[in-house]
Amino acid sequence: MKIFFLFTYLSLTLGNSCLMAQSRKAAEMNMEQVYAQANSSYREFERKRGGYIQTANVLMHYLCWGNPKNVPLIWSHGSFSHSYELAGLAKLLTDGGYYLIAVDYYGHGQTPIPEKEVSLYNSADDIRVLMDSLKIDQAILGGFSRGGYIAAAFYQSYPDRVKALILEDGGSVAFNTFNHQMSEEALLTKIRSRVPEQGVNSIYEASFDSPMAAYESLYDKSAGGNQFELLNIVKRKGNQWVTYAGLSDFFYMKDDQQFKNLVLKPNNSPLYGASITMVQPKIIFRNLRVPLLILDPVSDHDPMPFEKDNIALANQFPELITRIEFAGVEHNIHYEKPVQFSHELLKFLNIVKKETPLFLQKK
């Protein structure tokens, strides 16, 4: 009897193992097909929209949508995002008469981390080189989070090249403003909470033997489709393939100690990480001369709660600054409220275009 039960158990176990192995093999074959489709779609998209520009700092990747004769809007993405960030809004913007340009700054998309020391202001310089290459005299500059600070840095560096600014929860208030307003106890609690979750950290820092494996690590199976834009994040590093490896360290936010130094001793931190703390909007915008749209999320969990400071800045320049509040949004407005984001963005852009119909004339 024992032999019978043992035989039955082994049969069921081996049978289930075979089925599981077959299932895994089918899934792997399916992922190979998905990857092949994604790779084909990505290459075709990049052929139509993608480009590279060599600057003094890096070979920078960028995307373009629309007619180059239309109003140029140059967008800088947020941290751990990339140039495809506004891809879902591209048709809406191009149909509205805008030429959308989106850059990958250092360590994002297909733009590598430079080997030399750089700052956010070097990213602004890269955008200026891109504008010169595309023969764009003036443009509307916009950005999300860290990208907003790059847009502000660009305005500080090249104010005559900017027709208007769009800042989505970044760039309108100094980075450390709220940190320095917190009690010592609350600040230390926040610093300790900056330790990344092990699973997230391992995915972003991992190296892979193939581009497909790197792509699969980012692929959202619940969303389906080929998600070809993920391939913009995958890049070769030596004999391996990576996604965001080394980026947290480049930001100087890899762990609680780095973040603590960035908050309390920024001048003793590496230049790129420290440079976000050096963008001082109160100084940059003291003589503001262009329209500015501040897209301001307000919630209890906003990592950059700048509501009061944004209101104060808007009150300082009521004829130039439009501040739109997005209640209940933590940080990423274009993702959490895409319809409202699009509406406010187009409304502002159309006002700028209507008031300055000739600003697109190129040198």
Protein backbone atom coordinates (compact mmCIF):
# COMPACT_ATOMS: atom_id res chain seq x y z
CA MET A 1 0.00 0.00 0.00
CA LYS A 2 2.83 2.39 0.90
CA ILE A 3 4.45 1.65 -2.44
CA PHE A 4 1.19 2.46 -4.22
CA PHE A 5 0.83 5.81 -2.46
CA LEU A 6 4.47 6.62 -3.10
CA PHE A 7 4.08 5.80 -6.78
CA THR A 8 0.93 7.91 -6.99
CA TYR A 9 2.64 10.84 -5.23
CA LEU A 10 5.65 10.67 -7.53
CA SER A 11 3.44 10.44 -10.60
CA LEU A 12 1.44 13.51 -9.59
CA THR A 13 4.56 15.43 -8.61
CA LEU A 14 6.43 14.58 -11.79
CA GLY A 15 3.32 15.28 -13.84
CA ASN A 16 2.86 18.69 -12.25
CA SER A 17 6.56 19.43 -12.72
CA CYS A 18 6.29 18.59 -16.41
CA LEU A 19 3.24 20.80 -16.79
CA MET A 20 5.00 23.65 -14.97
CA ALA A 21 8.07 23.22 -17.14
CA GLN A 22 5.91 23.26 -20.27
CA SER A 23 4.11 26.35 -18.99
CA ARG A 24 7.41 28.13 -18.30
CA LYS A 25 8.69 27.17 -21.74
CA ALA A 26 5.51 28.51 -23.37
CA ALA A 27 5.79 31.73 -21.37
CA GLU A 28 9.43 32.10 -22.41
CA MET A 29 8.51 31.53 -26.05
CA ASN A 30 5.70 34.06 -25.71
CA MET A 31 8.06 36.62 -24.14
CA GLU A 32 10.51 36.04 -26.97
CA GLN A 33 7.74 36.91 -29.42
CA VAL A 34 6.72 39.97 -27.39
CA TYR A 35 10.34 41.12 -27.24
CA ALA A 36 10.80 40.61 -30.97
CA GLN A 37 7.70 42.72 -31.65
CA ALA A 38 8.86 45.37 -29.19
CA ASN A 39 12.31 45.50 -30.74
CA SER A 40 10.85 45.93 -34.22
CA SER A 41 8.44 48.65 -33.04
CA TYR A 42 11.17 50.46 -31.13
CA ARG A 43 13.56 50.50 -34.07
CA GLU A 44 10.87 51.80 -36.39
CA PHE A 45 9.81 54.48 -33.90
CA GLU A 46 13.39 55.59 -33.36
CA ARG A 47 13.95 55.72 -37.11
CA LYS A 48 11.07 58.20 -37.40
CA ARG A 49 11.40 60.17 -34.16
CA GLY A 50 14.80 59.56 -32.61
CA GLY A 51 18.05 61.45 -32.91
CA TYR A 52 21.39 62.08 -31.22
CA ILE A 53 23.38 65.25 -30.70
CA GLN A 54 27.02 65.36 -29.61
CA THR A 55 27.61 68.06 -27.02
CA ALA A 56 30.69 68.97 -25.01
CA ASN A 57 29.38 66.67 -22.29
CA VAL A 58 27.70 63.65 -23.84
CA LEU A 59 26.07 62.05 -26.88
CA MET A 60 22.48 62.98 -26.02
CA HIS A 61 19.45 61.10 -27.30
CA TYR A 62 16.21 62.93 -28.04
CA LEU A 63 12.81 62.48 -29.73
CA CYS A 64 10.80 64.80 -31.99
CA TRP A 65 7.12 64.84 -32.92
CA GLY A 66 5.34 67.13 -35.35
CA ASN A 67 6.22 69.86 -37.81
CA PRO A 68 9.53 71.67 -37.15
CA LYS A 69 7.90 74.87 -38.38
CA ASN A 70 5.44 74.82 -35.49
CA VAL A 71 5.87 76.11 -31.94
CA PRO A 72 8.74 74.18 -30.28
CA LEU A 73 8.18 72.71 -26.82
CA ILE A 74 11.28 71.10 -25.29
CA TRP A 75 10.54 68.73 -22.42
CA SER A 76 12.87 67.31 -19.75
CA HIS A 77 11.54 64.21 -17.98
CA GLY A 78 11.61 63.34 -14.29
CA SER A 79 14.07 61.11 -12.45
CA PHE A 80 14.00 57.45 -13.51
CA SER A 81 11.85 58.34 -16.52
CA HIS A 82 12.97 59.07 -20.07
CA SER A 83 12.20 60.90 -23.29
CA TYR A 84 9.03 58.86 -23.94
CA GLU A 85 7.42 60.44 -20.86
CA LEU A 86 4.95 62.58 -22.85
CA ALA A 87 4.65 60.18 -25.81
CA GLY A 88 0.99 59.59 -24.98
CA LEU A 89 0.29 63.32 -25.34
CA ALA A 90 2.39 63.84 -28.46
CA LYS A 91 -0.49 63.63 -30.95
CA LEU A 92 -2.60 66.03 -28.92
CA LEU A 93 0.25 68.53 -28.86
CA THR A 94 1.23 68.17 -32.50
CA ASP A 95 -2.42 68.44 -33.60
CA GLY A 96 -2.53 71.65 -31.59
CA GLY A 97 0.30 73.12 -33.65
CA TYR A 98 3.32 72.32 -31.48
CA TYR A 99 6.66 70.71 -32.26
CA LEU A 100 7.44 68.46 -29.31
CA ILE A 101 11.07 67.69 -28.50
CA ALA A 102 11.91 65.44 -25.55
CA VAL A 103 15.45 64.83 -24.32
CA ASP A 104 17.10 62.06 -22.35
CA TYR A 105 19.43 63.70 -19.88
CA TYR A 106 22.33 61.96 -18.15
CA GLY A 107 21.84 58.31 -17.23
CA HIS A 108 18.34 58.09 -18.71
CA GLY A 109 17.12 56.47 -21.88
CA GLN A 110 19.94 56.16 -24.39
CA THR A 111 22.01 59.01 -22.94
CA PRO A 112 24.89 57.70 -20.78
CA ILE A 113 26.27 59.17 -17.57
CA PRO A 114 29.24 61.32 -18.65
CA GLU A 115 32.66 60.28 -17.48
CA LYS A 116 33.52 63.86 -16.53
CA GLU A 117 31.96 65.91 -13.73
CA VAL A 118 28.68 67.53 -14.74
CA SER A 119 25.70 69.32 -13.21
CA LEU A 120 22.10 70.13 -14.10
CA TYR A 121 23.46 73.28 -15.72
CA ASN A 122 25.43 71.12 -18.14
CA SER A 123 22.12 69.52 -19.12
CA ALA A 124 20.86 73.04 -19.87
CA ASP A 125 23.94 73.57 -22.04
CA ASP A 126 23.17 70.34 -23.90
CA ILE A 127 19.66 71.58 -24.69
CA ARG A 128 21.09 74.84 -26.02
CA VAL A 129 23.37 72.84 -28.36
CA LEU A 130 20.35 70.85 -29.52
CA MET A 131 18.41 74.05 -30.22
CA ASP A 132 21.31 75.42 -32.24
CA SER A 133 21.51 72.18 -34.22
CA LEU A 134 17.78 72.27 -34.97
CA LYS A 135 18.00 76.02 -35.77
CA ILE A 136 15.54 76.94 -33.03
CA ASP A 137 15.94 80.50 -31.81
CA GLN A 138 13.40 80.36 -28.98
CA ALA A 139 11.33 77.60 -27.43
CA ILE A 140 8.94 76.85 -24.63
CA LEU A 141 10.90 74.91 -22.01
CA GLY A 142 9.17 72.45 -19.70
CA GLY A 143 9.97 69.66 -17.32
CA PHE A 144 8.72 67.34 -14.62
CA SER A 145 10.38 67.09 -11.18
CA ARG A 146 14.16 67.06 -11.79
CA GLY A 147 13.39 68.04 -15.37
CA GLY A 148 11.69 71.16 -14.04
CA TYR A 149 14.94 72.15 -12.33
CA ILE A 150 16.76 71.67 -15.64
CA ALA A 151 14.22 73.95 -17.33
CA ALA A 152 14.75 76.58 -14.60
CA ALA A 153 18.52 76.24 -14.98
CA PHE A 154 18.13 76.74 -18.73
CA TYR A 155 16.16 79.95 -18.17
CA GLN A 156 18.85 81.22 -15.80
CA SER A 157 21.57 80.41 -18.34
CA TYR A 158 19.84 81.38 -21.59
CA PRO A 159 16.86 83.65 -20.82
CA ASP A 160 16.70 85.03 -24.37
CA ARG A 161 16.18 81.51 -25.76
CA VAL A 162 13.05 80.93 -23.65
CA LYS A 163 9.57 82.05 -24.69
CA ALA A 164 7.70 80.42 -21.79
CA LEU A 165 8.21 77.90 -19.00
CA ILE A 166 6.19 74.91 -17.80
CA LEU A 167 7.18 73.46 -14.43
CA GLU A 168 5.47 70.28 -13.20
CA ASP A 169 6.28 69.93 -9.48
CA GLY A 170 9.89 70.95 -9.85
CA GLY A 171 11.97 74.01 -10.59
CA SER A 172 9.70 76.66 -9.08
CA VAL A 173 10.92 76.26 -5.47
CA ALA A 174 14.39 75.42 -4.14
CA PHE A 175 14.84 71.67 -3.66
CA ASN A 176 15.73 71.81 0.04
CA THR A 177 13.11 74.39 1.01
CA PHE A 178 10.75 71.98 2.75
CA ASN A 179 13.58 69.84 4.14
CA HIS A 180 15.04 72.84 5.93
CA GLN A 181 11.66 73.82 7.33
CA MET A 182 11.18 70.45 9.05
CA SER A 183 12.03 69.73 12.65
CA GLU A 184 15.26 67.81 13.21
CA GLU A 185 13.32 64.72 14.27
CA ALA A 186 10.99 64.83 11.26
CA LEU A 187 13.91 65.40 8.89
CA LEU A 188 15.83 62.43 10.27
CA THR A 189 12.71 60.26 9.89
CA LYS A 190 12.40 61.36 6.27
CA ILE A 191 16.08 60.67 5.63
CA ARG A 192 15.83 57.16 7.07
CA SER A 193 12.80 56.48 4.89
CA ARG A 194 14.88 57.19 1.79
CA VAL A 195 16.41 53.71 1.92
CA PRO A 196 15.06 52.10 -1.30
CA GLU A 197 13.01 48.93 -1.19
CA GLN A 198 15.25 45.94 -1.83
CA GLY A 199 13.17 44.62 -4.72
CA VAL A 200 13.05 47.94 -6.55
CA ASN A 201 16.73 48.59 -5.94
CA SER A 202 17.76 45.15 -7.21
CA ILE A 203 15.76 45.57 -10.43
CA TYR A 204 17.19 48.99 -11.24
CA GLU A 205 20.77 48.12 -10.29
CA ALA A 206 20.83 44.68 -11.90
CA SER A 207 22.92 43.66 -14.90
CA PHE A 208 21.60 41.21 -17.49
CA ASP A 209 23.11 38.83 -20.01
CA SER A 210 20.86 40.02 -22.83
CA PRO A 211 18.75 43.03 -23.79
CA MET A 212 15.66 40.80 -23.68
CA ALA A 213 16.33 39.92 -20.03
CA ALA A 214 16.70 43.60 -19.15
CA TYR A 215 13.50 44.40 -21.04
CA GLU A 216 11.63 41.58 -19.30
CA SER A 217 12.67 42.92 -15.87
CA LEU A 218 10.72 46.11 -16.63
CA TYR A 219 7.83 44.57 -18.56
CA ASP A 220 4.39 44.96 -16.93
CA LYS A 221 2.51 41.74 -17.67
CA SER A 222 -0.74 43.18 -16.37
CA ALA A 223 -0.66 45.90 -19.02
CA GLY A 224 0.02 43.66 -22.00
CA GLY A 225 1.14 44.88 -25.40
CA ASN A 226 4.77 45.01 -26.45
CA GLN A 227 5.64 48.13 -24.39
CA PHE A 228 8.41 48.94 -26.86
CA GLU A 229 9.25 52.21 -25.12
CA LEU A 230 10.93 50.16 -22.36
CA LEU A 231 13.74 49.40 -24.78
CA ASN A 232 14.74 53.06 -24.58
CA ILE A 233 15.82 52.34 -21.00
CA VAL A 234 17.88 49.26 -21.90
CA LYS A 235 21.53 49.92 -22.77
CA ARG A 236 24.80 48.05 -23.04
CA LYS A 237 27.41 48.36 -20.31
CA GLY A 238 30.50 46.34 -21.16
CA ASN A 239 29.36 42.79 -21.84
CA GLN A 240 26.13 43.24 -19.89
CA TRP A 241 22.85 45.09 -20.33
CA VAL A 242 21.46 47.50 -17.75
CA THR A 243 18.50 49.79 -17.15
CA TYR A 244 19.20 52.36 -14.42
CA ALA A 245 22.35 50.88 -12.89
CA GLY A 246 24.45 53.53 -11.15
CA LEU A 247 21.83 56.26 -11.44
CA SER A 248 20.91 56.50 -7.74
CA ASP A 249 24.58 56.90 -6.89
CA PHE A 250 24.92 59.54 -9.63
CA PHE A 251 22.02 61.43 -8.01
CA TYR A 252 23.74 60.90 -4.64
CA MET A 253 20.53 59.39 -3.31
CA LYS A 254 21.53 55.73 -3.15
CA ASP A 255 21.01 55.45 0.60
CA ASP A 256 20.06 57.45 3.67
CA GLN A 257 23.63 58.67 4.26
CA GLN A 258 23.96 60.11 0.78
CA PHE A 259 20.57 61.79 1.02
CA LYS A 260 21.47 63.19 4.44
CA ASN A 261 24.62 64.76 3.01
CA LEU A 262 22.67 66.13 0.06
CA VAL A 263 20.22 67.82 2.42
CA LEU A 264 22.61 68.98 5.13
CA LYS A 265 25.99 69.25 3.36
CA PRO A 266 25.29 69.69 -0.36
CA ASN A 267 28.58 71.45 -1.05
CA ASN A 268 30.42 68.34 0.15
CA SER A 269 28.41 66.11 -2.20
CA PRO A 270 29.31 65.18 -5.81
CA LEU A 271 28.49 67.99 -8.21
CA TYR A 272 25.61 66.42 -10.13
CA GLY A 273 23.75 65.37 -7.00
CA ALA A 274 24.41 68.71 -5.32
CA SER A 275 23.48 70.78 -8.36
CA ILE A 276 19.73 70.26 -7.88
CA THR A 277 20.10 72.06 -4.54
CA MET A 278 21.92 74.93 -6.28
CA VAL A 279 19.01 75.87 -8.53
CA GLN A 280 17.50 78.83 -6.66
CA PRO A 281 14.19 79.89 -8.23
CA LYS A 282 13.82 82.98 -6.01
CA ILE A 283 17.00 84.30 -7.60
CA ILE A 284 16.36 82.94 -11.11
CA PHE A 285 12.83 84.35 -11.34
CA ARG A 286 13.40 87.64 -9.51
CA ASN A 287 13.17 89.46 -12.87
CA LEU A 288 10.83 87.03 -14.62
CA ARG A 289 9.96 88.18 -18.14
CA VAL A 290 8.22 85.18 -19.71
CA PRO A 291 4.94 83.37 -19.03
CA LEU A 292 5.29 80.57 -16.49
CA LEU A 293 2.89 77.70 -15.84
CA ILE A 294 3.27 76.01 -12.45
CA LEU A 295 1.54 72.63 -12.25
CA ASP A 296 1.29 72.08 -8.50
CA PRO A 297 0.16 68.75 -6.97
CA VAL A 298 -1.21 69.10 -3.45
CA SER A 299 -1.60 66.09 -1.17
CA ASP A 300 -0.52 64.81 2.20
CA HIS A 301 2.03 62.57 0.52
CA ASP A 302 3.60 65.02 -1.94
CA PRO A 303 7.40 64.52 -1.69
CA MET A 304 7.85 68.14 -2.74
CA PRO A 305 5.15 70.10 -0.85
CA PHE A 306 5.75 73.55 -2.28
CA GLU A 307 2.18 74.87 -2.29
CA LYS A 308 2.79 77.98 -0.13
CA ASP A 309 5.98 78.92 -1.94
CA ASN A 310 4.34 78.46 -5.35
CA ILE A 311 1.44 80.67 -4.31
CA ALA A 312 3.87 83.34 -3.12
CA LEU A 313 5.77 83.23 -6.43
CA ALA A 314 2.55 83.42 -8.44
CA ASN A 315 1.41 86.43 -6.40
CA GLN A 316 4.72 88.14 -7.13
CA PHE A 317 4.10 87.97 -10.90
CA PRO A 318 0.31 87.70 -11.36
CA GLU A 319 0.45 88.79 -15.01
CA LEU A 320 3.05 86.18 -15.96
CA ILE A 321 2.51 83.17 -13.70
CA THR A 322 -0.39 80.74 -13.92
CA ARG A 323 -0.53 78.25 -11.05
CA ILE A 324 -2.83 75.25 -11.38
CA GLU A 325 -3.44 73.09 -8.32
CA PHE A 326 -4.07 69.36 -8.64
CA ALA A 327 -5.68 68.16 -5.43
CA GLY A 328 -4.97 64.63 -4.29
CA VAL A 329 -1.98 64.11 -6.60
CA GLU A 330 1.28 63.11 -4.94
CA HIS A 331 3.80 64.15 -7.60
CA ASN A 332 3.34 62.85 -11.14
CA ILE A 333 0.45 64.89 -12.53
CA HIS A 334 0.70 63.85 -16.18
CA TYR A 335 0.38 60.21 -15.11
CA GLU A 336 -2.28 60.53 -12.38
CA LYS A 337 -4.44 63.20 -14.06
CA PRO A 338 -3.62 63.04 -17.79
CA VAL A 339 -6.87 64.63 -19.00
CA GLN A 340 -6.68 67.63 -16.67
CA PHE A 341 -2.94 67.92 -17.27
CA SER A 342 -3.47 68.00 -21.04
CA HIS A 343 -6.26 70.55 -20.75
CA GLU A 344 -4.24 72.98 -18.64
CA LEU A 345 -1.11 72.48 -20.72
CA LEU A 346 -2.86 73.21 -24.02
CA LYS A 347 -4.75 76.17 -22.59
CA PHE A 348 -1.49 77.76 -21.46
CA LEU A 349 0.35 76.93 -24.69
CA ASN A 350 -2.41 78.39 -26.83
CA ILE A 351 -2.32 81.65 -24.87
CA VAL A 352 1.44 81.85 -25.35
CA LYS A 353 1.14 81.08 -29.06
CA LYS A 354 -1.67 83.57 -29.56
CA GLU A 355 0.16 86.39 -27.82
CA THR A 356 3.43 85.77 -29.69
CA PRO A 357 2.59 84.55 -33.18
CA LEU A 358 5.95 85.46 -34.69
CA PHE A 359 8.33 84.12 -32.09
CA LEU A 360 9.05 80.98 -34.07
CA GLN A 361 10.85 82.77 -36.83
CA LYS A 362 14.30 81.28 -36.98
CA LYS A 363 17.59 83.03 -37.46
